[in-house]
Structure formats: C-alpha cells, structure tokens
Protein backbone atom coordinates (compact mmCIF):
# COMPACT_ATOMS: atom_id res chain seq x y z
CA UNK A 1 0.04 0.26 -0.03
CA UNK A 2 2.62 2.10 0.75
CA UNK A 3 3.81 2.31 -2.87
CA UNK A 4 0.60 3.74 -4.23
CA UNK A 5 0.00 6.19 -1.68
CA UNK A 6 3.56 7.43 -3.03
CA UNK A 7 2.58 6.83 -6.26
CA UNK A 8 -0.55 8.51 -6.35
CA UNK A 9 1.03 11.50 -4.35
CA UNK A 10 3.43 11.93 -6.39
CA UNK A 11 0.83 12.19 -9.59
CA UNK A 12 -1.50 14.24 -7.22
CA UNK A 13 1.64 16.81 -6.92
CA UNK A 14 2.64 16.82 -10.58
CA UNK A 15 -1.10 17.18 -12.29
CA UNK A 16 -1.19 20.36 -9.70
CA UNK A 17 1.70 21.71 -10.79
CA UNK A 18 1.10 21.66 -14.61
CA UNK A 19 -2.30 23.11 -14.14
CA UNK A 20 -0.73 26.17 -12.45
CA UNK A 21 2.17 26.19 -14.48
CA UNK A 22 -1.15 25.91 -17.91
CA UNK A 23 -2.88 28.78 -16.09
CA UNK A 24 -1.71 31.78 -16.95
CA UNK A 25 -1.84 30.55 -20.69
CA UNK A 26 -5.51 29.85 -20.15
CA UNK A 27 -6.68 32.08 -17.23
CA UNK A 28 -6.49 35.81 -17.33
CA UNK A 29 -4.92 37.22 -14.24
CA UNK A 30 -7.04 38.43 -11.18
CA UNK A 31 -4.95 38.70 -8.00
CA UNK A 32 -7.95 40.15 -6.15
CA UNK A 33 -6.35 39.45 -2.77
CA UNK A 34 -4.49 42.01 -0.83
CA UNK A 35 -0.41 41.72 -0.08
CA UNK A 36 -0.15 39.88 -3.51
CA UNK A 37 2.64 42.00 -4.90
CA UNK A 38 4.83 40.54 -1.88
CA UNK A 39 4.77 36.84 -3.36
CA UNK A 40 7.18 38.18 -5.73
CA UNK A 41 9.69 39.23 -2.74
CA UNK A 42 10.41 34.88 -2.52
CA UNK A 43 11.29 34.99 -5.87
CA UNK A 44 10.19 31.82 -7.19
CA UNK A 45 8.09 30.93 -10.87
CA UNK A 46 4.49 31.71 -10.50
CA UNK A 47 3.76 27.84 -10.25
CA UNK A 48 4.51 28.21 -6.83
CA UNK A 49 3.98 31.32 -5.79
CA UNK A 50 0.30 31.31 -6.33
CA UNK A 51 0.14 27.91 -4.20
CA UNK A 52 0.00 31.40 -1.53
CA UNK A 53 -2.61 32.91 -2.79
CA UNK A 54 -5.15 34.94 -0.73
CA UNK A 55 -4.88 32.93 3.19
CA UNK A 56 -1.35 31.77 2.36
CA UNK A 57 0.43 35.50 1.96
CA UNK A 58 -0.82 36.25 5.36
CA UNK A 59 0.45 33.16 6.88
CA UNK A 60 4.01 33.93 5.19
CA UNK A 61 3.18 37.15 6.71
CA UNK A 62 2.77 36.20 10.24
CA UNK A 63 6.11 34.06 10.19
CA UNK A 64 8.17 36.89 9.02
CA UNK A 65 6.73 39.80 11.40
CA UNK A 66 4.15 38.23 13.52
CA UNK A 67 0.30 39.36 13.91
CA UNK A 68 -0.46 42.50 12.76
CA UNK A 69 -3.89 44.31 13.17
CA UNK A 70 -7.15 41.54 12.12
CA UNK A 71 -4.28 38.74 11.53
CA UNK A 72 -5.25 36.80 14.93
CA UNK A 73 -7.98 34.75 12.55
CA UNK A 74 -5.03 32.75 11.36
CA UNK A 75 -3.79 30.02 13.92
CA UNK A 76 -0.29 29.79 15.33
CA UNK A 77 1.16 26.72 15.07
CA UNK A 78 1.68 26.82 10.97
CA UNK A 79 3.11 29.92 10.85
CA UNK A 80 5.46 29.42 13.57
CA UNK A 81 6.87 26.38 11.95
CA UNK A 82 7.55 28.36 9.13
CA UNK A 83 9.42 30.90 11.35
CA UNK A 84 11.41 28.49 13.01
CA UNK A 85 12.17 26.12 9.48
CA UNK A 86 13.25 29.27 7.83
CA UNK A 87 16.82 29.38 9.85
CA UNK A 88 17.43 26.17 7.80
CA UNK A 89 16.15 27.02 4.96
CA UNK A 90 15.97 30.83 3.87
CA UNK A 91 12.60 31.20 2.27
CA UNK A 92 9.52 30.75 3.88
CA UNK A 93 7.60 29.97 0.79
CA UNK A 94 9.84 26.82 -0.03
CA UNK A 95 9.24 25.90 3.78
CA UNK A 96 5.58 26.42 4.26
CA UNK A 97 5.51 24.05 0.72
CA UNK A 98 7.82 21.72 2.31
CA UNK A 99 5.96 21.82 5.93
CA UNK A 100 2.36 21.12 4.03
CA UNK A 101 3.02 18.77 1.64
CA UNK A 102 5.08 16.48 3.89
CA UNK A 103 2.84 16.76 6.41
CA UNK A 104 0.36 15.17 4.11
CA UNK A 105 1.80 12.96 2.86
CA UNK A 106 2.49 11.25 6.35
CA UNK A 107 -0.74 11.85 7.15
CA UNK A 108 -1.82 9.39 3.98
CA UNK A 109 1.06 6.90 5.77
CA UNK A 110 -0.44 7.10 8.47
CA UNK A 111 -4.58 7.02 7.21
CA UNK A 112 -3.81 3.99 5.19
CA UNK A 113 -3.46 2.23 8.57
CA UNK A 114 -6.94 3.01 10.13
CA UNK A 115 -9.03 2.36 7.08
CA UNK A 116 -10.12 -1.17 5.95
CA UNK A 117 -7.73 -2.33 3.07
CA UNK A 118 -10.00 -2.87 0.62
CA UNK A 119 -11.72 0.45 0.48
CA UNK A 120 -8.30 2.03 1.40
CA UNK A 121 -7.21 2.68 -2.37
CA UNK A 122 -11.06 4.44 -3.26
CA UNK A 123 -10.47 6.79 -0.24
CA UNK A 124 -7.18 8.04 -1.36
CA UNK A 125 -7.92 8.64 -4.85
CA UNK A 126 -11.71 10.49 -3.52
CA UNK A 127 -9.89 12.83 -1.43
CA UNK A 128 -6.92 13.31 -3.59
CA UNK A 129 -9.20 14.11 -6.35
CA UNK A 130 -11.42 16.27 -4.77
CA UNK A 131 -12.52 19.97 -6.27
CA UNK A 132 -10.23 21.51 -3.58
CA UNK A 133 -7.60 18.80 -2.25
CA UNK A 134 -5.18 21.25 -3.52
CA UNK A 135 -5.16 23.04 -0.63
CA UNK A 136 -3.57 20.22 1.23
CA UNK A 137 -0.24 20.77 -0.47
CA UNK A 138 -0.62 24.91 -0.49
CA UNK A 139 -0.28 27.17 1.70
CA UNK A 140 -3.01 26.42 4.31
CA UNK A 141 -2.94 24.81 7.60
CA UNK A 142 -4.71 22.25 5.98
CA UNK A 143 -2.38 19.49 4.83
CA UNK A 144 -0.12 20.08 8.46
CA UNK A 145 -3.99 19.89 9.95
CA UNK A 146 -4.61 16.62 7.89
CA UNK A 147 -1.76 15.16 9.58
CA UNK A 148 -2.46 16.33 13.29
CA UNK A 149 -5.90 14.70 13.20
CA UNK A 150 -4.69 11.36 11.44
CA UNK A 151 -2.27 11.05 14.35
CA UNK A 152 -4.81 11.84 17.02
CA UNK A 153 -7.26 8.97 15.75
CA UNK A 154 -4.38 6.69 14.84
CA UNK A 155 -2.92 7.33 18.69
CA UNK A 156 -6.40 7.04 20.27
CA UNK A 157 -6.78 3.45 18.72
CA UNK A 158 -3.78 2.30 19.50
CA UNK A 159 -4.47 3.78 23.40
CA UNK A 160 -1.29 5.60 23.59
CA UNK A 161 -2.91 9.01 25.67
CA UNK A 162 -0.36 11.07 26.10
CA UNK A 163 0.76 11.36 22.13
CA UNK A 164 -2.42 11.99 21.75
CA UNK A 165 -2.88 14.83 23.95
CA UNK A 166 -0.25 16.15 22.66
CA UNK A 167 -0.82 16.03 18.78
CA UNK A 168 -4.79 16.91 19.55
CA UNK A 169 -3.73 20.32 21.67
CA UNK A 170 -1.33 21.26 18.58
CA UNK A 171 -4.68 20.80 16.58
CA UNK A 172 -6.61 23.14 17.45
CA UNK A 173 -3.34 25.77 17.71
CA UNK A 174 -3.50 24.98 13.66
CA UNK A 175 -7.38 25.59 13.21
CA UNK A 176 -10.56 25.81 15.10
CA UNK A 177 -11.77 22.66 14.28
CA UNK A 178 -9.17 20.94 15.91
CA UNK A 179 -11.52 21.27 18.93
CA UNK A 180 -13.82 19.24 17.68
CA UNK A 181 -11.71 16.56 18.20
CA UNK A 182 -13.31 16.19 20.97
CA UNK A 183 -15.86 13.90 19.72
CA UNK A 184 -13.81 10.58 18.66
CA UNK A 185 -11.78 10.81 22.25
CA UNK A 186 -15.33 11.18 24.25
CA UNK A 187 -16.90 8.44 21.98
CA UNK A 188 -13.44 6.46 22.65
CA UNK A 189 -14.01 7.44 26.44
CA UNK A 190 -17.28 5.88 26.40
CA UNK A 191 -16.24 2.50 24.72
CA UNK A 192 -12.74 1.99 26.61
CA UNK A 193 -13.36 4.02 29.86
CA UNK A 194 -9.45 4.88 30.27
CA UNK A 195 -7.79 8.22 30.29
CA UNK A 196 -10.69 10.60 30.70
CA UNK A 197 -8.02 13.68 31.40
CA UNK A 198 -7.12 13.42 27.50
CA UNK A 199 -10.89 14.68 26.72
CA UNK A 200 -9.73 18.15 27.63
CA UNK A 201 -6.41 18.32 25.32
CA UNK A 202 -7.90 19.51 22.42
CA UNK A 203 -9.15 22.33 24.47
CA UNK A 204 -6.06 22.96 25.89
CA UNK A 205 -4.35 24.36 22.63
CA UNK A 206 -7.44 26.91 22.10
CA UNK A 207 -7.07 27.86 25.59
CA UNK A 208 -3.41 28.45 24.96
CA UNK A 209 -4.24 30.78 21.89
CA UNK A 210 -7.26 32.63 23.46
CA UNK A 211 -4.77 33.45 26.57
CA UNK A 212 -2.73 34.71 23.98
CA UNK A 213 -5.33 36.77 22.42
CA UNK A 214 -6.33 38.30 26.15
CA UNK A 215 -3.11 39.77 26.83
CA UNK A 216 -1.96 41.26 23.24
CA UNK A 217 -5.60 42.15 22.08
CA UNK A 218 -7.87 42.02 24.66
CA UNK A 219 -10.53 39.94 23.42
CA UNK A 220 -9.77 36.00 23.74
CA UNK A 221 -12.01 35.30 20.62
CA UNK A 222 -10.44 37.77 18.40
CA UNK A 223 -9.94 34.91 15.97
CA UNK A 224 -13.71 35.14 15.22
CA UNK A 225 -14.19 38.57 15.74
CA UNK A 226 -11.90 39.61 13.11
CA UNK A 227 -13.58 37.20 10.92
CA UNK A 228 -15.82 39.34 8.87
CA UNK A 229 -12.58 42.08 8.15
CA UNK A 230 -11.41 39.24 5.43
CA UNK A 231 -14.84 39.32 3.66
CA UNK A 232 -16.84 36.25 2.25
CA UNK A 233 -19.99 37.94 3.96
CA UNK A 234 -18.95 36.18 7.67
CA UNK A 235 -20.86 37.68 10.55
CA UNK A 236 -20.28 37.45 14.15
CA UNK A 237 -23.57 36.91 15.19
CA UNK A 238 -25.17 33.34 15.28
CA UNK A 239 -26.65 32.53 12.32
CA UNK A 240 -28.42 28.77 11.43
CA UNK A 241 -28.63 26.61 8.76
CA UNK A 242 -31.78 27.50 7.45
CA UNK A 243 -31.24 30.92 7.21
CA UNK A 244 -28.48 30.36 5.03
CA UNK A 245 -29.68 27.53 2.90
CA UNK A 246 -32.54 30.67 2.18
CA UNK A 247 -30.24 33.24 1.76
CA UNK A 248 -28.16 31.23 -1.15
CA UNK A 249 -31.88 30.19 -2.59
CA UNK A 250 -32.54 33.75 -2.68
CA UNK A 251 -29.00 34.45 -4.48
CA UNK A 252 -29.49 31.50 -7.41
CA UNK A 253 -32.76 33.35 -8.47
CA UNK A 254 -31.73 37.24 -8.08
CA UNK A 255 -28.46 37.23 -8.75
CA UNK A 256 -26.37 38.25 -12.05
CA UNK A 257 -25.20 34.85 -13.54
CA UNK A 258 -21.21 35.89 -13.31
CA UNK A 259 -18.07 34.34 -11.40
CA UNK A 260 -19.07 34.61 -8.15
CA UNK A 261 -22.88 33.49 -8.68
CA UNK A 262 -21.16 30.10 -9.83
CA UNK A 263 -18.55 30.05 -7.20
CA UNK A 264 -22.08 30.47 -4.74
CA UNK A 265 -23.52 27.10 -6.58
CA UNK A 266 -20.45 25.29 -5.91
CA UNK A 267 -20.55 26.29 -2.41
CA UNK A 268 -24.23 25.04 -2.01
CA UNK A 269 -23.85 22.18 -4.26
CA UNK A 270 -20.70 20.69 -2.31
CA UNK A 271 -22.34 20.86 1.38
CA UNK A 272 -25.81 19.69 0.58
CA UNK A 273 -23.69 16.52 -1.19
CA UNK A 274 -21.59 16.08 1.53
CA UNK A 275 -24.04 16.60 4.41
CA UNK A 276 -26.74 14.22 2.42
CA UNK A 277 -23.88 11.53 1.83
CA UNK A 278 -22.71 12.28 5.60
CA UNK A 279 -26.84 11.71 6.83
CA UNK A 280 -27.03 8.42 5.72
CA UNK A 281 -23.88 7.06 6.60
CA UNK A 282 -24.61 8.18 9.74
CA UNK A 283 -27.69 6.35 9.98
CA UNK A 284 -25.94 3.50 8.57
CA UNK A 285 -23.57 2.74 11.49
CA UNK A 286 -26.38 3.87 14.11
CA UNK A 287 -28.04 1.00 13.08
CA UNK A 288 -25.23 -1.36 13.31
CA UNK A 289 -23.65 0.53 16.36
CA UNK A 290 -20.22 1.00 14.65
CA UNK A 291 -19.38 3.49 17.30
CA UNK A 292 -15.81 5.14 15.99
CA UNK A 293 -17.23 5.30 12.79
CA UNK A 294 -20.53 6.81 14.28
CA UNK A 295 -18.03 9.39 15.99
CA UNK A 296 -16.25 9.84 13.28
CA UNK A 297 -19.25 10.81 11.48
CA UNK A 298 -20.68 13.18 13.93
CA UNK A 299 -17.19 14.93 14.17
CA UNK A 300 -17.56 15.53 10.23
CA UNK A 301 -20.84 17.10 10.68
CA UNK A 302 -19.26 19.13 13.07
CA UNK A 303 -16.29 20.22 10.82
CA UNK A 304 -19.13 20.83 8.10
CA UNK A 305 -21.81 22.62 9.98
CA UNK A 306 -19.24 25.04 12.01
CA UNK A 307 -18.24 27.52 9.25
CA UNK A 308 -22.08 27.62 8.05
CA UNK A 309 -22.95 29.50 11.49
CA UNK A 310 -21.32 32.79 10.34
CA UNK A 311 -23.81 33.04 8.00
CA UNK A 312 -22.30 31.36 4.68
CA UNK A 313 -21.43 28.44 2.77
CA UNK A 314 -18.23 30.22 1.34
CA UNK A 315 -14.94 27.89 1.93
CA UNK A 316 -17.44 24.37 3.06
CA UNK A 317 -15.67 23.51 -0.26
CA UNK A 318 -12.01 23.39 1.72
CA UNK A 319 -13.15 22.41 4.72
CA UNK A 320 -15.14 19.18 3.60
CA UNK A 321 -11.98 18.14 3.34
CA UNK A 322 -12.04 17.00 6.41
CA UNK A 323 -15.65 15.33 6.78
CA UNK A 324 -13.32 11.84 5.85
CA UNK A 325 -16.89 10.18 6.66
CA UNK A 326 -18.15 11.20 3.23
CA UNK A 327 -14.79 9.76 1.58
CA UNK A 328 -14.99 6.74 3.23
CA UNK A 329 -18.86 6.55 2.22
CA UNK A 330 -17.28 7.25 -1.31
CA UNK A 331 -15.28 4.80 -1.06
CA UNK A 332 -17.84 1.90 0.08
CA UNK A 333 -19.63 2.33 -2.83
CA UNK A 334 -20.03 -1.08 -4.76
CA UNK A 335 -20.20 -0.37 -8.31
CA UNK A 336 -17.15 0.28 -9.33
CA UNK A 337 -18.64 2.50 -12.42
CA UNK A 338 -20.17 4.78 -10.04
CA UNK A 339 -17.15 5.56 -8.40
CA UNK A 340 -15.29 6.06 -11.62
CA UNK A 341 -17.70 8.71 -12.41
CA UNK A 342 -17.63 9.95 -9.18
CA UNK A 343 -13.81 10.64 -9.42
CA UNK A 344 -14.21 11.79 -12.80
CA UNK A 345 -16.39 14.36 -12.28
CA UNK A 346 -14.20 15.72 -8.75
CA UNK A 347 -11.16 15.79 -11.32
CA UNK A 348 -12.24 18.04 -13.45
CA UNK A 349 -13.68 20.37 -10.94
CA UNK A 350 -10.12 20.09 -9.53
CA UNK A 351 -8.78 21.67 -12.39
CA UNK A 352 -10.45 24.05 -13.02
CA UNK A 353 -10.90 25.28 -9.35
CA UNK A 354 -7.29 25.13 -8.76
CA UNK A 355 -6.04 27.10 -12.29
CA UNK A 356 -8.71 30.05 -11.57
CA UNK A 357 -7.48 29.65 -7.53
CA UNK A 358 -3.82 30.48 -9.03
CA UNK A 359 -5.03 33.13 -10.83
CA UNK A 360 -6.26 35.18 -8.15
CA UNK A 361 -9.80 34.17 -8.35
CA UNK A 362 -11.18 33.42 -5.09
CA UNK A 363 -12.74 29.59 -5.03
CA UNK A 364 -12.84 28.56 -1.07
C-alpha cells in the first residue's frame, strides 16, 4: 500500500504543478487579494507563488513579522513552524510548501493504517481528486492539520493517550475545528473507560491561543471577531443553517450569472452533497452500532456545519476536506463504474478550480 500512496501522491503533485504552470495561458490574472505583490519577494516562479494566494500570504507575513491587526483570525502553529524552519531554508514560501506537502504525505501513510484495506485505495483516490484537495499542498494549514487529525485518531486507537493529548493540542493550535476532536476522544472514553483527562486536551491548544489573544488584544476570541474583516460575508452573530440555505436560494434567483454566482452554486452544491452523504452514513453506522465510525461521522458533521454558523457556505468546499466519513462512504460504494464517474467529475472540477485559484480568483 505504501508504494501506491507514494505513486498517487506524486501523480497528484505533478498534476497540480502542471495546472498552475498552464493556467496563465488560459485564464487571465485577477489577483483580488491583499499583499499579492509581496509574493515576488520569494523569487519563485508563478506556478509555485500561486500556491500562497489569499490566506497563504497572511501565513507568510505572520511568520516573518508576527501578527498585524486582524490577522489573529489565522491560528499560530503553522506560521510558527514556518518561522522556525526558515533558519534552515531561508525562503518562507519553500518552507511552507515543504511543511504542507510532507505533513500531508505522512498523514496519508498514517490514515492508510486506519482504513479497511479493501477500501483504502478508493478513499485515497477520492480525497486526492476532490475539487479542493490542492489546499493540502498549498500554503494553507490543511496539510498540517490533516497530519495532526489522523495522528490523533491513530494514537487514540493504539491507546497511546499521552501522544494523543500532544497531537490534539497541536491540532487545536492549527485550526479551530481541532477542538471538535473532543468528539472521537469522548466516544473512545465511553467505549474503553480509560484516560478521561485526554478529553480536555483539544481545549488546551485553543485555551493557549485565547490567553495569548487576551494579553495582546484584550479579546480572547479575537480569532472570531476579526473574521468579517476578511470578507466572504461572514457574521459574528450566530446564524442557523435554514437561514443560510434561504440566503443562497435568493442568490440563485436574483443574482447575475457571473463568476461569483457559480462559486456560490459550487459552495451550495458541495455542502448539500457532503451533508446528505454524511446523513446516510450516520444512519447506517447508528443501525450497526459502529462507535468509531459514529464518532468520526459526528466530527465530520461538526466540521461541515461550523463555518455555516457565520451565515455563509463560503470556504465550505475547503472545510469539507476533513469530513472523512464522506470519503469513506464513497469508497465503500460497490459499483466501480459509479466510483469512477464520481472521481472523474471531482477531477475535472479540481483542475478548473485550481486553475482559477492560481490566477487569483477566490475559490474557497
């Protein structure tokens, strides 16, 4: 299986680099995000620079000069690692790409040990061709969080609770959804009745960051209150799912059919697809009392629903990457032709979305 993982990873990496290299020949550059001119400072070709578009440049700036106003929306572990490793390789963009890609590859190896072997290949195919999987290898936290996420599940299964506590603390210092890893840990405790203290570990990383924010900004939840500054129509007030769905229906009825319209359609479609499949997966595993899958399914739901509470499906196609139950359900489909068609549709969307992302269009 290890050879298949390496081969699939190389094919995925080469394909993405080929897309970012060819994209300028087919798509005009937009670059509608702040500090894009600073990417030239890293003296790398466009096909690499483009992987730091949008949030990526913020992580690089935080690593270089610390938090500026409002950048506290970005959690600290990833830029801290970039800063530390630039003492070894004096180029933050190269360092960040190495962190993301190496972490993701190691995460794939670990995950393959958690999945039934007869479904592992198709699981890897689906997660690699998913429309937004290129974020795993970009200057984003996705690759690092993936490693910490699956490591949490692996050490938990092996009942190595000290290591579980360590990696889950790091996970909640990487992304907010790290706190939801309390779900599989809690289910594990119910089943094994061991190491209750581990349940608190997902809150430790978030707590550390909240203390830092309180001391530096006076607001321990500034990572939330700063979100509207970055656009995407996010709200700091709690907005429930039916309201978000209705908002998107009105967009589809009234808005002009421009690029943003089709991105909204993509966000809505991916949300509904993942939501429906997670619902089927939940019912199936509830009937057979599969506790491990139930815990993963509930985490997948929490991961999917959390961003919608800000009143939008913006970035849901990226957040869906960690709803692993979705990919497991697809891998378990018995009809091989159905799986091939789904994978082909994902792949086409992947190439198109990466092409636009690399040219500075907001995708997710």
